[in-house]
Amino acid sequence: MLAFGGAHAAAQDAIYTDHASEKGSCAVAPDMLISHAEDAVCGPGFSCERSNFAPAGSGLCNHDGACIIDGQEASGYVTFDLGNYSDHFEVALPTREGWLSMYPCTPVAQLEN
């Protein structure tokens, strides 16, 4: 599990890469990749600009999000789970139910690769 502060900030930086929504599908489903950058997260059917980091619980962090989701404008929290799984991260988007899995396409030190 990641703690907030220095380790949390390092985890944020480490996941600025492409991710697959299913383990092992980085090379076989490039149209389904989730791209996470310092100020945005984009994937199939969504694009969110994010700002204003705030801790949201054990391993969780919120960002204010301005998004286009399934062709509609949406705003609210973009929430990342950066510490509750050993092999991936997750993201929750405003107006979408549930969490999207994010399996890194490149090795991340905090995860089992």
Foldseek 3Di string as FASTA:
>chain_A
DADPDPRLVLLLVLQQAKFALDPPCVPPCVQAIWGHHPQWIDGVQKIWGWADWDADDDQKIWTWIFMQGNNRTDTDTWMKRRPDDQAWIWIDDPPDPDIGTTGGPDDGVSHDD
